[in-house]
């Protein structure tokens, strides 16, 4: 598991913080990879990071991704995922 993120080595939770306000037309959604997805398949799933929040155990990202659920097929999952399980897309 790569907790440090992409080539820049900066965790996603630190990359989204800005010193200046984000322009209104700058979409906050970012592509990411989700480790330990809901289907527990052991592979990273591509996801869409929608927002961040400070949780009890640290930063969490609200992510939407596809996972194989209940052996019945693919389904969309939306959940708050610990920042350590998200890497840059």
N, C-alpha and C. Protein backbone atom coordinates (compact mmCIF):
# COMPACT_ATOMS: atom_id res chain seq x y z
N UNK A 1 0.84 -1.18 0.00
CA UNK A 1 0.00 0.00 0.00
C UNK A 1 0.88 1.24 0.00
N UNK A 2 0.65 2.13 -0.93
CA UNK A 2 1.45 3.34 -1.06
C UNK A 2 0.76 4.49 -0.34
N UNK A 3 1.16 4.74 0.90
CA UNK A 3 0.52 5.80 1.68
C UNK A 3 0.99 7.18 1.28
N UNK A 4 2.07 7.27 0.55
CA UNK A 4 2.63 8.58 0.19
C UNK A 4 2.08 9.12 -1.12
N UNK A 5 1.26 8.40 -1.81
CA UNK A 5 0.64 8.93 -3.01
C UNK A 5 1.46 8.72 -4.27
N UNK A 6 1.25 9.60 -5.24
CA UNK A 6 1.86 9.45 -6.55
C UNK A 6 3.31 9.87 -6.60
N UNK A 7 3.76 10.24 -7.78
CA UNK A 7 5.17 10.53 -8.01
C UNK A 7 5.70 11.64 -7.13
N UNK A 8 4.85 12.59 -6.76
CA UNK A 8 5.29 13.70 -5.93
C UNK A 8 5.50 13.30 -4.48
N UNK A 9 4.98 12.14 -4.07
CA UNK A 9 5.15 11.68 -2.71
C UNK A 9 4.36 12.46 -1.68
N UNK A 10 3.34 13.19 -2.10
CA UNK A 10 2.52 13.98 -1.17
C UNK A 10 1.17 13.29 -1.02
N UNK A 11 0.74 12.98 0.22
CA UNK A 11 -0.57 12.35 0.41
C UNK A 11 -1.69 13.20 -0.17
N UNK A 12 -2.74 12.55 -0.66
CA UNK A 12 -3.85 13.26 -1.28
C UNK A 12 -4.47 14.27 -0.32
N UNK A 13 -4.56 13.94 0.96
CA UNK A 13 -5.18 14.85 1.92
C UNK A 13 -4.40 16.16 2.05
N UNK A 14 -3.09 16.12 1.81
CA UNK A 14 -2.28 17.33 1.88
C UNK A 14 -2.28 18.10 0.56
N UNK A 15 -2.47 17.40 -0.56
CA UNK A 15 -2.45 18.05 -1.86
C UNK A 15 -3.68 18.90 -2.11
N UNK A 16 -4.80 18.57 -1.50
CA UNK A 16 -6.02 19.31 -1.79
C UNK A 16 -6.13 20.59 -0.99
N UNK A 17 -5.37 20.73 0.07
CA UNK A 17 -5.41 21.97 0.84
C UNK A 17 -4.73 23.08 0.06
N UNK A 18 -5.33 24.23 0.02
CA UNK A 18 -4.79 25.34 -0.75
C UNK A 18 -4.67 26.57 0.15
N UNK A 19 -3.72 27.42 -0.19
CA UNK A 19 -3.55 28.64 0.58
C UNK A 19 -4.50 29.73 0.10
N UNK A 20 -4.97 29.61 -1.14
CA UNK A 20 -5.90 30.59 -1.69
C UNK A 20 -7.21 29.89 -2.01
N UNK A 21 -8.32 30.64 -1.99
CA UNK A 21 -9.61 30.03 -2.30
C UNK A 21 -9.63 29.43 -3.70
N UNK A 22 -10.35 28.33 -3.84
CA UNK A 22 -10.49 27.66 -5.13
C UNK A 22 -11.50 28.45 -5.98
N UNK A 23 -11.19 28.68 -7.26
CA UNK A 23 -12.16 29.34 -8.14
C UNK A 23 -13.47 28.55 -8.18
N UNK A 24 -14.58 29.24 -8.31
CA UNK A 24 -15.90 28.60 -8.30
C UNK A 24 -16.01 27.53 -9.38
N UNK A 25 -15.43 27.76 -10.55
CA UNK A 25 -15.57 26.81 -11.65
C UNK A 25 -14.53 25.69 -11.62
N UNK A 26 -13.68 25.62 -10.59
CA UNK A 26 -12.67 24.57 -10.46
C UNK A 26 -13.30 23.36 -9.78
N UNK A 27 -13.60 22.34 -10.53
CA UNK A 27 -14.28 21.14 -10.02
C UNK A 27 -13.42 20.47 -8.94
N UNK A 28 -13.98 20.18 -7.76
CA UNK A 28 -13.21 19.58 -6.67
C UNK A 28 -12.99 18.07 -6.83
N UNK A 29 -13.73 17.42 -7.72
CA UNK A 29 -13.63 15.96 -7.89
C UNK A 29 -12.28 15.58 -8.49
N UNK A 30 -11.70 14.50 -7.99
CA UNK A 30 -10.40 14.02 -8.46
C UNK A 30 -10.44 12.50 -8.60
N UNK A 31 -9.74 11.98 -9.62
CA UNK A 31 -9.60 10.54 -9.76
C UNK A 31 -8.68 10.02 -8.67
N UNK A 32 -8.99 8.84 -8.13
CA UNK A 32 -8.13 8.23 -7.12
C UNK A 32 -8.23 6.71 -7.23
N UNK A 33 -7.39 6.03 -6.47
CA UNK A 33 -7.44 4.58 -6.35
C UNK A 33 -7.82 4.24 -4.91
N UNK A 34 -8.76 3.30 -4.75
CA UNK A 34 -9.25 2.91 -3.44
C UNK A 34 -8.70 1.54 -3.09
N UNK A 35 -7.91 1.47 -2.02
CA UNK A 35 -7.43 0.19 -1.50
C UNK A 35 -8.47 -0.35 -0.53
N UNK A 36 -8.53 -1.65 -0.35
CA UNK A 36 -9.45 -2.28 0.60
C UNK A 36 -10.89 -1.88 0.31
N UNK A 37 -11.30 -2.05 -0.94
CA UNK A 37 -12.67 -1.70 -1.36
C UNK A 37 -13.70 -2.58 -0.66
N UNK A 38 -14.95 -2.19 -0.75
CA UNK A 38 -16.04 -2.87 -0.06
C UNK A 38 -16.16 -4.35 -0.44
N UNK A 39 -15.74 -4.73 -1.65
CA UNK A 39 -15.85 -6.13 -2.07
C UNK A 39 -14.70 -7.00 -1.55
N UNK A 40 -13.71 -6.39 -0.90
CA UNK A 40 -12.58 -7.11 -0.31
C UNK A 40 -11.87 -8.02 -1.31
N UNK A 41 -11.82 -7.58 -2.58
CA UNK A 41 -11.19 -8.37 -3.63
C UNK A 41 -9.66 -8.32 -3.57
N UNK A 42 -9.12 -7.38 -2.82
CA UNK A 42 -7.67 -7.29 -2.70
C UNK A 42 -7.00 -6.52 -3.82
N UNK A 43 -7.80 -5.89 -4.68
CA UNK A 43 -7.24 -5.07 -5.75
C UNK A 43 -7.71 -3.63 -5.55
N UNK A 44 -6.91 -2.70 -6.07
CA UNK A 44 -7.32 -1.30 -6.00
C UNK A 44 -8.43 -1.06 -7.02
N UNK A 45 -9.38 -0.26 -6.63
CA UNK A 45 -10.49 0.10 -7.52
C UNK A 45 -10.37 1.57 -7.90
N UNK A 46 -10.60 1.92 -9.17
CA UNK A 46 -10.60 3.33 -9.55
C UNK A 46 -11.82 4.02 -8.94
N UNK A 47 -11.61 5.23 -8.44
CA UNK A 47 -12.71 5.94 -7.81
C UNK A 47 -12.69 7.42 -8.12
N UNK A 48 -13.73 8.09 -7.68
CA UNK A 48 -13.85 9.54 -7.83
C UNK A 48 -13.93 10.13 -6.43
N UNK A 49 -12.91 10.90 -6.05
CA UNK A 49 -12.86 11.57 -4.76
C UNK A 49 -13.67 12.85 -4.84
N UNK A 50 -14.70 12.98 -4.00
CA UNK A 50 -15.61 14.10 -4.06
C UNK A 50 -15.33 15.19 -3.04
N UNK A 51 -14.91 14.80 -1.83
CA UNK A 51 -14.63 15.80 -0.80
C UNK A 51 -13.85 15.17 0.34
N UNK A 52 -13.32 16.02 1.22
CA UNK A 52 -12.56 15.61 2.39
C UNK A 52 -13.28 16.05 3.66
N UNK A 53 -13.05 15.31 4.74
CA UNK A 53 -13.49 15.75 6.06
C UNK A 53 -12.51 15.23 7.10
N UNK A 54 -12.49 15.88 8.24
CA UNK A 54 -11.67 15.44 9.36
C UNK A 54 -12.54 14.47 10.18
N UNK A 55 -12.15 13.21 10.23
CA UNK A 55 -12.88 12.21 11.00
C UNK A 55 -12.24 12.00 12.35
N UNK A 56 -12.78 11.08 13.13
CA UNK A 56 -12.23 10.79 14.46
C UNK A 56 -10.81 10.26 14.41
N UNK A 57 -10.51 9.50 13.36
CA UNK A 57 -9.18 8.88 13.24
C UNK A 57 -8.29 9.57 12.23
N UNK A 58 -8.67 10.75 11.77
CA UNK A 58 -7.87 11.46 10.78
C UNK A 58 -8.71 11.84 9.58
N UNK A 59 -8.03 12.22 8.49
CA UNK A 59 -8.71 12.65 7.28
C UNK A 59 -9.38 11.49 6.57
N UNK A 60 -10.56 11.76 5.99
CA UNK A 60 -11.32 10.79 5.22
C UNK A 60 -11.79 11.45 3.93
N UNK A 61 -11.85 10.66 2.86
CA UNK A 61 -12.35 11.16 1.59
C UNK A 61 -13.66 10.48 1.24
N UNK A 62 -14.63 11.26 0.75
CA UNK A 62 -15.89 10.68 0.26
C UNK A 62 -15.65 10.27 -1.18
N UNK A 63 -15.79 8.98 -1.44
CA UNK A 63 -15.40 8.40 -2.73
C UNK A 63 -16.55 7.59 -3.31
N UNK A 64 -16.66 7.62 -4.63
CA UNK A 64 -17.60 6.77 -5.37
C UNK A 64 -16.76 5.85 -6.24
N UNK A 65 -17.06 4.54 -6.21
CA UNK A 65 -16.34 3.57 -7.03
C UNK A 65 -17.22 2.35 -7.27
N UNK A 66 -16.81 1.49 -8.18
CA UNK A 66 -17.56 0.26 -8.48
C UNK A 66 -16.93 -0.91 -7.74
N UNK A 67 -17.79 -1.80 -7.22
CA UNK A 67 -17.31 -2.99 -6.51
C UNK A 67 -18.27 -4.15 -6.79
N UNK A 68 -17.73 -5.36 -6.74
CA UNK A 68 -18.54 -6.56 -6.90
C UNK A 68 -19.17 -6.87 -5.54
N UNK A 69 -20.48 -6.77 -5.44
CA UNK A 69 -21.15 -6.96 -4.16
C UNK A 69 -22.06 -8.18 -4.15
N UNK A 70 -21.97 -8.95 -3.08
CA UNK A 70 -22.81 -10.13 -2.85
C UNK A 70 -22.76 -11.14 -4.00
N UNK A 71 -21.71 -11.11 -4.77
CA UNK A 71 -21.56 -12.07 -5.86
C UNK A 71 -22.58 -11.92 -6.96
N UNK A 72 -23.36 -10.85 -6.92
CA UNK A 72 -24.43 -10.66 -7.89
C UNK A 72 -24.06 -9.76 -9.05
N UNK A 73 -22.97 -9.05 -8.95
CA UNK A 73 -22.56 -8.16 -10.03
C UNK A 73 -21.98 -6.87 -9.47
N UNK A 74 -21.68 -5.98 -10.37
CA UNK A 74 -21.06 -4.72 -10.02
C UNK A 74 -22.10 -3.74 -9.52
N UNK A 75 -21.72 -2.97 -8.53
CA UNK A 75 -22.60 -1.94 -7.96
C UNK A 75 -21.76 -0.71 -7.64
N UNK A 76 -22.40 0.45 -7.63
CA UNK A 76 -21.69 1.66 -7.24
C UNK A 76 -21.71 1.77 -5.72
N UNK A 77 -20.58 2.17 -5.17
CA UNK A 77 -20.42 2.32 -3.73
C UNK A 77 -20.00 3.77 -3.46
N UNK A 78 -20.63 4.38 -2.49
CA UNK A 78 -20.21 5.70 -2.04
C UNK A 78 -19.96 5.59 -0.55
N UNK A 79 -18.74 5.94 -0.13
CA UNK A 79 -18.40 5.83 1.29
C UNK A 79 -17.28 6.77 1.67
N UNK A 80 -17.15 7.01 2.97
CA UNK A 80 -16.03 7.76 3.52
C UNK A 80 -14.91 6.77 3.76
N UNK A 81 -13.76 7.03 3.15
CA UNK A 81 -12.61 6.12 3.20
C UNK A 81 -11.44 6.83 3.88
N UNK A 82 -10.75 6.15 4.82
CA UNK A 82 -9.57 6.77 5.44
C UNK A 82 -8.55 7.19 4.38
N UNK A 83 -7.93 8.35 4.58
CA UNK A 83 -6.99 8.89 3.61
C UNK A 83 -5.86 7.93 3.28
N UNK A 84 -5.44 7.10 4.22
CA UNK A 84 -4.36 6.16 3.99
C UNK A 84 -4.69 5.08 2.98
N UNK A 85 -5.98 4.92 2.65
CA UNK A 85 -6.40 3.92 1.67
C UNK A 85 -6.63 4.53 0.28
N UNK A 86 -6.36 5.82 0.13
CA UNK A 86 -6.54 6.51 -1.15
C UNK A 86 -5.20 6.95 -1.72
N UNK A 87 -5.01 6.71 -3.00
CA UNK A 87 -3.80 7.19 -3.68
C UNK A 87 -4.21 7.94 -4.94
N UNK A 88 -3.29 8.75 -5.41
CA UNK A 88 -3.53 9.59 -6.57
C UNK A 88 -3.81 8.75 -7.81
N UNK A 89 -4.70 9.26 -8.65
CA UNK A 89 -5.07 8.55 -9.87
C UNK A 89 -4.31 8.92 -11.01
